[in-house]
Amino acid sequence: MKAVFRHELATYFTGLTGYVFGAFLLLFGGIYTMVICLNAGSANFEYVLSNLSFIFLIIVPILTMRVIAEESGRKPTSFSTPFPCP
């Protein structure tokens, strides 16, 4: 599992994909933090962390769609299924 994680992480950061999503997450988090803190009038970061998980609902499926699309072209699932799928 550690080797798969290392391979996927290296795949994301050898190209532009990982950096673009990282920059988008930092940009969105910074703007969201600024808006929440200015509207509330306090520097309570708890609200930001609790509501920032919404962005992960958007980013995680986008990243996993890329992995699933690459795997469907290579057909690695044939080794993991004991019976062929019709």
N, C-alpha and C. Protein backbone atom coordinates (compact mmCIF):
# COMPACT_ATOMS: atom_id res chain seq x y z
N MET A 1 0.82 -1.20 0.00
CA MET A 1 0.00 0.00 0.00
C MET A 1 0.86 1.26 0.00
N LYS A 2 1.98 1.19 0.71
CA LYS A 2 2.88 2.33 0.77
C LYS A 2 3.51 2.60 -0.60
N ALA A 3 3.81 1.54 -1.34
CA ALA A 3 4.38 1.70 -2.67
C ALA A 3 3.37 2.32 -3.64
N VAL A 4 2.12 1.93 -3.52
CA VAL A 4 1.07 2.50 -4.38
C VAL A 4 0.88 3.97 -4.06
N PHE A 5 0.86 4.30 -2.77
CA PHE A 5 0.72 5.70 -2.36
C PHE A 5 1.89 6.53 -2.88
N ARG A 6 3.10 6.02 -2.76
CA ARG A 6 4.29 6.74 -3.21
C ARG A 6 4.25 6.93 -4.74
N HIS A 7 3.81 5.90 -5.47
CA HIS A 7 3.72 5.99 -6.92
C HIS A 7 2.68 7.02 -7.35
N GLU A 8 1.51 7.00 -6.74
CA GLU A 8 0.46 7.95 -7.10
C GLU A 8 0.86 9.38 -6.75
N LEU A 9 1.50 9.56 -5.62
CA LEU A 9 1.95 10.90 -5.22
C LEU A 9 3.01 11.40 -6.17
N ALA A 10 3.94 10.53 -6.56
CA ALA A 10 4.97 10.93 -7.53
C ALA A 10 4.36 11.23 -8.89
N THR A 11 3.31 10.51 -9.27
CA THR A 11 2.65 10.76 -10.54
C THR A 11 1.99 12.13 -10.54
N TYR A 12 1.36 12.51 -9.45
CA TYR A 12 0.70 13.81 -9.39
C TYR A 12 1.70 14.95 -9.45
N PHE A 13 2.84 14.80 -8.80
CA PHE A 13 3.76 15.92 -8.71
C PHE A 13 4.88 15.90 -9.75
N THR A 14 4.92 14.93 -10.65
CA THR A 14 5.85 15.02 -11.77
C THR A 14 5.25 15.88 -12.88
N GLY A 15 3.95 15.91 -12.95
CA GLY A 15 3.27 16.76 -13.93
C GLY A 15 2.75 18.01 -13.26
N LEU A 16 1.83 18.64 -13.93
CA LEU A 16 1.29 19.90 -13.45
C LEU A 16 0.04 19.72 -12.59
N THR A 17 -0.53 18.52 -12.59
CA THR A 17 -1.81 18.27 -11.92
C THR A 17 -1.74 18.54 -10.42
N GLY A 18 -0.78 17.99 -9.75
CA GLY A 18 -0.67 18.16 -8.30
C GLY A 18 -0.45 19.60 -7.89
N TYR A 19 0.36 20.31 -8.66
CA TYR A 19 0.64 21.70 -8.33
C TYR A 19 -0.58 22.60 -8.56
N VAL A 20 -1.33 22.30 -9.61
CA VAL A 20 -2.53 23.10 -9.89
C VAL A 20 -3.57 22.90 -8.81
N PHE A 21 -3.81 21.64 -8.42
CA PHE A 21 -4.78 21.38 -7.36
C PHE A 21 -4.30 21.91 -6.02
N GLY A 22 -3.02 21.82 -5.75
CA GLY A 22 -2.49 22.39 -4.51
C GLY A 22 -2.63 23.89 -4.46
N ALA A 23 -2.34 24.56 -5.59
CA ALA A 23 -2.49 26.01 -5.65
C ALA A 23 -3.96 26.41 -5.53
N PHE A 24 -4.86 25.64 -6.16
CA PHE A 24 -6.28 25.93 -6.07
C PHE A 24 -6.76 25.78 -4.63
N LEU A 25 -6.31 24.74 -3.95
CA LEU A 25 -6.71 24.52 -2.56
C LEU A 25 -6.21 25.65 -1.66
N LEU A 26 -4.95 26.05 -1.84
CA LEU A 26 -4.41 27.14 -1.03
C LEU A 26 -5.10 28.47 -1.33
N LEU A 27 -5.37 28.73 -2.60
CA LEU A 27 -6.05 29.96 -2.96
C LEU A 27 -7.46 30.00 -2.40
N PHE A 28 -8.20 28.93 -2.59
CA PHE A 28 -9.56 28.88 -2.08
C PHE A 28 -9.57 28.95 -0.55
N GLY A 29 -8.66 28.24 0.10
CA GLY A 29 -8.59 28.28 1.56
C GLY A 29 -8.25 29.66 2.08
N GLY A 30 -7.34 30.35 1.41
CA GLY A 30 -6.97 31.70 1.84
C GLY A 30 -8.09 32.70 1.67
N ILE A 31 -8.75 32.64 0.53
CA ILE A 31 -9.87 33.56 0.30
C ILE A 31 -11.02 33.26 1.26
N TYR A 32 -11.30 31.99 1.44
CA TYR A 32 -12.38 31.59 2.33
C TYR A 32 -12.08 32.01 3.77
N THR A 33 -10.84 31.84 4.20
CA THR A 33 -10.45 32.25 5.55
C THR A 33 -10.61 33.76 5.72
N MET A 34 -10.17 34.52 4.72
CA MET A 34 -10.27 35.96 4.80
C MET A 34 -11.73 36.41 4.88
N VAL A 35 -12.58 35.84 4.06
CA VAL A 35 -13.99 36.23 4.05
C VAL A 35 -14.67 35.88 5.37
N ILE A 36 -14.43 34.67 5.86
CA ILE A 36 -15.06 34.24 7.12
C ILE A 36 -14.58 35.11 8.28
N CYS A 37 -13.27 35.38 8.35
CA CYS A 37 -12.74 36.17 9.46
C CYS A 37 -13.21 37.63 9.39
N LEU A 38 -13.33 38.17 8.18
CA LEU A 38 -13.79 39.55 8.07
C LEU A 38 -15.27 39.67 8.37
N ASN A 39 -16.06 38.72 7.93
CA ASN A 39 -17.49 38.77 8.21
C ASN A 39 -17.81 38.54 9.68
N ALA A 40 -17.08 37.61 10.30
CA ALA A 40 -17.35 37.31 11.70
C ALA A 40 -16.73 38.34 12.63
N GLY A 41 -15.68 39.00 12.17
CA GLY A 41 -15.02 39.99 13.01
C GLY A 41 -14.11 39.37 14.05
N SER A 42 -13.78 38.10 13.88
CA SER A 42 -12.85 37.43 14.80
C SER A 42 -11.96 36.49 14.01
N ALA A 43 -10.89 36.10 14.62
CA ALA A 43 -9.93 35.22 13.95
C ALA A 43 -10.10 33.78 14.42
N ASN A 44 -11.31 33.31 14.44
CA ASN A 44 -11.58 31.94 14.85
C ASN A 44 -11.44 31.02 13.64
N PHE A 45 -10.41 30.20 13.64
CA PHE A 45 -10.10 29.34 12.50
C PHE A 45 -10.92 28.06 12.51
N GLU A 46 -11.64 27.81 13.58
CA GLU A 46 -12.44 26.59 13.70
C GLU A 46 -13.54 26.54 12.65
N TYR A 47 -14.16 27.66 12.36
CA TYR A 47 -15.22 27.70 11.35
C TYR A 47 -14.67 27.41 9.96
N VAL A 48 -13.50 27.92 9.70
CA VAL A 48 -12.88 27.72 8.39
C VAL A 48 -12.56 26.25 8.18
N LEU A 49 -11.97 25.61 9.18
CA LEU A 49 -11.61 24.21 9.03
C LEU A 49 -12.83 23.31 8.92
N SER A 50 -13.88 23.65 9.62
CA SER A 50 -15.08 22.82 9.55
C SER A 50 -15.79 22.98 8.21
N ASN A 51 -15.75 24.15 7.62
CA ASN A 51 -16.43 24.37 6.35
C ASN A 51 -15.54 24.16 5.14
N LEU A 52 -14.23 24.10 5.32
CA LEU A 52 -13.32 23.91 4.21
C LEU A 52 -13.35 22.47 3.69
N SER A 53 -13.91 21.57 4.47
CA SER A 53 -14.01 20.18 4.01
C SER A 53 -14.91 20.05 2.79
N PHE A 54 -15.73 21.07 2.53
CA PHE A 54 -16.57 21.05 1.33
C PHE A 54 -15.73 21.01 0.05
N ILE A 55 -14.58 21.70 0.06
CA ILE A 55 -13.74 21.70 -1.14
C ILE A 55 -13.18 20.32 -1.42
N PHE A 56 -12.99 19.52 -0.37
CA PHE A 56 -12.51 18.16 -0.59
C PHE A 56 -13.57 17.29 -1.26
N LEU A 57 -14.83 17.65 -1.09
CA LEU A 57 -15.89 16.95 -1.82
C LEU A 57 -15.80 17.20 -3.31
N ILE A 58 -15.14 18.27 -3.70
CA ILE A 58 -14.97 18.57 -5.12
C ILE A 58 -13.64 18.05 -5.64
N ILE A 59 -12.56 18.23 -4.88
CA ILE A 59 -11.23 17.88 -5.35
C ILE A 59 -11.00 16.37 -5.40
N VAL A 60 -11.42 15.65 -4.39
CA VAL A 60 -11.14 14.21 -4.32
C VAL A 60 -11.77 13.45 -5.48
N PRO A 61 -13.03 13.68 -5.85
CA PRO A 61 -13.55 12.96 -7.03
C PRO A 61 -12.83 13.31 -8.32
N ILE A 62 -12.38 14.55 -8.47
CA ILE A 62 -11.66 14.92 -9.68
C ILE A 62 -10.34 14.16 -9.76
N LEU A 63 -9.63 14.06 -8.65
CA LEU A 63 -8.37 13.33 -8.65
C LEU A 63 -8.57 11.84 -8.85
N THR A 64 -9.61 11.28 -8.26
CA THR A 64 -9.84 9.85 -8.43
C THR A 64 -10.36 9.52 -9.81
N MET A 65 -11.06 10.43 -10.46
CA MET A 65 -11.49 10.18 -11.84
C MET A 65 -10.29 10.02 -12.76
N ARG A 66 -9.24 10.78 -12.51
CA ARG A 66 -8.03 10.66 -13.32
C ARG A 66 -7.39 9.29 -13.13
N VAL A 67 -7.32 8.83 -11.90
CA VAL A 67 -6.72 7.53 -11.61
C VAL A 67 -7.56 6.40 -12.23
N ILE A 68 -8.87 6.50 -12.12
CA ILE A 68 -9.75 5.48 -12.68
C ILE A 68 -9.65 5.46 -14.20
N ALA A 69 -9.53 6.62 -14.82
CA ALA A 69 -9.40 6.67 -16.28
C ALA A 69 -8.09 6.04 -16.74
N GLU A 70 -7.01 6.26 -16.00
CA GLU A 70 -5.73 5.64 -16.35
C GLU A 70 -5.78 4.13 -16.16
N GLU A 71 -6.44 3.68 -15.09
CA GLU A 71 -6.51 2.25 -14.82
C GLU A 71 -7.41 1.53 -15.82
N SER A 72 -8.44 2.19 -16.31
CA SER A 72 -9.32 1.52 -17.26
C SER A 72 -8.60 1.26 -18.57
N GLY A 73 -7.64 2.07 -18.91
CA GLY A 73 -6.86 1.85 -20.13
C GLY A 73 -5.85 0.72 -19.98
N ARG A 74 -5.36 0.49 -18.78
CA ARG A 74 -4.35 -0.55 -18.54
C ARG A 74 -4.96 -1.88 -18.14
N LYS A 75 -6.21 -1.89 -17.71
CA LYS A 75 -6.94 -3.09 -17.27
C LYS A 75 -6.24 -3.83 -16.11
N PRO A 76 -5.88 -3.16 -15.01
CA PRO A 76 -5.26 -3.88 -13.89
C PRO A 76 -6.28 -4.63 -13.03
N THR A 77 -7.57 -4.37 -13.24
CA THR A 77 -8.57 -5.01 -12.40
C THR A 77 -8.76 -6.48 -12.76
N SER A 78 -8.21 -6.92 -13.88
CA SER A 78 -8.36 -8.32 -14.26
C SER A 78 -7.63 -9.24 -13.28
N PHE A 79 -6.61 -8.73 -12.59
CA PHE A 79 -5.91 -9.55 -11.60
C PHE A 79 -6.63 -9.58 -10.27
N SER A 80 -7.40 -8.53 -9.98
CA SER A 80 -8.04 -8.46 -8.67
C SER A 80 -9.40 -9.15 -8.62
N THR A 81 -9.98 -9.44 -9.76
CA THR A 81 -11.29 -10.12 -9.76
C THR A 81 -11.07 -11.61 -10.00
N PRO A 82 -11.63 -12.46 -9.16
CA PRO A 82 -11.42 -13.89 -9.33
C PRO A 82 -12.18 -14.47 -10.52
N PHE A 83 -13.30 -13.84 -10.87
CA PHE A 83 -14.10 -14.32 -11.99
C PHE A 83 -14.23 -13.20 -13.01
N PRO A 84 -14.23 -13.54 -14.28
CA PRO A 84 -14.38 -12.47 -15.28
C PRO A 84 -15.77 -11.85 -15.22
N CYS A 85 -15.81 -10.58 -15.40
CA CYS A 85 -17.08 -9.86 -15.38
C CYS A 85 -17.70 -9.91 -16.79
N PRO A 86 -19.00 -10.15 -16.88
CA PRO A 86 -19.62 -10.21 -18.22
C PRO A 86 -19.77 -8.85 -18.86
